[in-house]
Amino acid sequence: MTIILELESTLQDRLRHPTPDSYTARLLAAGEDEIVKKIGEEAVEIILAAKGQGDARLIEESADLVYHLLVLLVSRGLGWADVETELARRQSGR
């Protein structure tokens, strides 16, 4: 199992069994508006990292973006497999 799928499984568990000390559970409870706000913030942080904060910072911010994207997908009953399917469809359409 890849780290993405492990993370997705953890996120699904937090959705089904929220705990008050879980950032993920609190984010999911806050709703989609809060989740997409975080995605926007992380996208801006990626741009800033790419424009002068170094590769390590770019990787950190990329991980944050992927995490928040997965939270959004899970909140909508979607998953990483759906993203992979779309990427494969696009690649086969070349």
Protein backbone atom coordinates (compact mmCIF):
# COMPACT_ATOMS: atom_id res chain seq x y z
CA MET A 1 0.00 0.00 0.00
CA THR A 2 1.38 3.40 -0.92
CA ILE A 3 1.60 6.26 1.56
CA ILE A 4 -1.20 8.03 -0.33
CA LEU A 5 -3.53 5.06 0.16
CA GLU A 6 -2.50 4.73 3.81
CA LEU A 7 -3.25 8.42 4.35
CA GLU A 8 -6.58 8.08 2.55
CA SER A 9 -7.50 5.15 4.80
CA THR A 10 -6.65 7.23 7.89
CA LEU A 11 -8.75 10.13 6.59
CA GLN A 12 -11.71 7.83 5.96
CA ASP A 13 -11.37 6.53 9.51
CA ARG A 14 -11.37 10.10 10.89
CA LEU A 15 -14.52 10.81 8.88
CA ARG A 16 -16.29 7.74 10.27
CA HIS A 17 -14.87 7.94 13.80
CA PRO A 18 -14.00 11.56 14.61
CA THR A 19 -12.05 12.36 17.74
CA PRO A 20 -11.81 15.86 19.24
CA ASP A 21 -8.00 15.84 19.26
CA SER A 22 -7.75 15.10 15.51
CA TYR A 23 -7.00 18.03 13.19
CA THR A 24 -8.46 16.00 10.33
CA ALA A 25 -11.71 15.34 12.18
CA ARG A 26 -12.03 19.03 13.08
CA LEU A 27 -11.35 20.04 9.46
CA LEU A 28 -13.92 17.58 8.15
CA ALA A 29 -16.45 18.82 10.69
CA ALA A 30 -15.79 22.43 9.65
CA GLY A 31 -17.05 21.57 6.18
CA GLU A 32 -16.11 22.00 2.57
CA ASP A 33 -15.66 25.77 2.69
CA GLU A 34 -12.93 25.41 5.30
CA ILE A 35 -11.28 22.54 3.42
CA VAL A 36 -11.12 24.44 0.12
CA LYS A 37 -9.82 27.50 1.97
CA LYS A 38 -6.94 25.38 3.26
CA ILE A 39 -6.30 24.07 -0.27
CA GLY A 40 -6.08 27.66 -1.51
CA GLU A 41 -3.68 28.60 1.27
CA GLU A 42 -1.46 25.62 0.51
CA ALA A 43 -1.46 26.43 -3.22
CA VAL A 44 -0.21 29.94 -2.44
CA GLU A 45 2.44 28.51 -0.12
CA ILE A 46 3.64 26.22 -2.94
CA ILE A 47 4.05 29.22 -5.23
CA LEU A 48 5.99 31.11 -2.57
CA ALA A 49 8.19 28.09 -1.88
CA ALA A 50 8.90 27.63 -5.58
CA LYS A 51 9.88 31.27 -5.91
CA GLY A 52 12.69 31.28 -3.42
CA GLN A 53 12.24 29.12 -0.34
CA GLY A 54 14.12 26.10 -1.65
CA ASP A 55 13.29 22.58 -2.70
CA ALA A 56 12.81 21.22 0.83
CA ARG A 57 10.14 23.83 1.52
CA LEU A 58 8.50 23.11 -1.85
CA ILE A 59 8.27 19.41 -0.94
CA GLU A 60 6.80 20.23 2.49
CA GLU A 61 4.14 22.49 1.01
CA SER A 62 3.38 19.94 -1.72
CA ALA A 63 2.74 17.34 0.96
CA ASP A 64 0.40 19.78 2.73
CA LEU A 65 -1.51 20.36 -0.51
CA VAL A 66 -1.88 16.64 -1.22
CA TYR A 67 -3.09 16.05 2.34
CA HIS A 68 -5.76 18.76 2.08
CA LEU A 69 -6.79 17.58 -1.39
CA LEU A 70 -7.27 14.08 0.00
CA VAL A 71 -9.37 15.49 2.84
CA LEU A 72 -11.62 17.14 0.25
CA LEU A 73 -11.88 13.99 -1.85
CA VAL A 74 -12.71 11.82 1.17
CA SER A 75 -15.28 14.34 2.38
CA ARG A 76 -17.08 13.91 -0.95
CA GLY A 77 -16.89 10.12 -1.00
CA LEU A 78 -14.11 10.16 -3.58
CA GLY A 79 -10.55 8.91 -3.38
CA TRP A 80 -7.10 8.86 -4.89
CA ALA A 81 -8.17 6.04 -7.24
CA ASP A 82 -10.57 8.50 -8.87
CA VAL A 83 -7.67 10.88 -9.54
CA GLU A 84 -5.54 8.05 -10.92
CA THR A 85 -8.39 6.96 -13.19
CA GLU A 86 -8.66 10.46 -14.61
CA LEU A 87 -4.91 10.72 -15.13
CA ALA A 88 -4.90 7.35 -16.91
CA ARG A 89 -7.82 8.47 -19.09
CA ARG A 90 -5.91 11.56 -20.07
CA GLN A 91 -2.74 9.63 -20.81
CA SER A 92 -4.55 7.10 -22.98
CA GLY A 93 -6.17 9.94 -24.91
CA ARG A 94 -2.85 11.11 -26.33
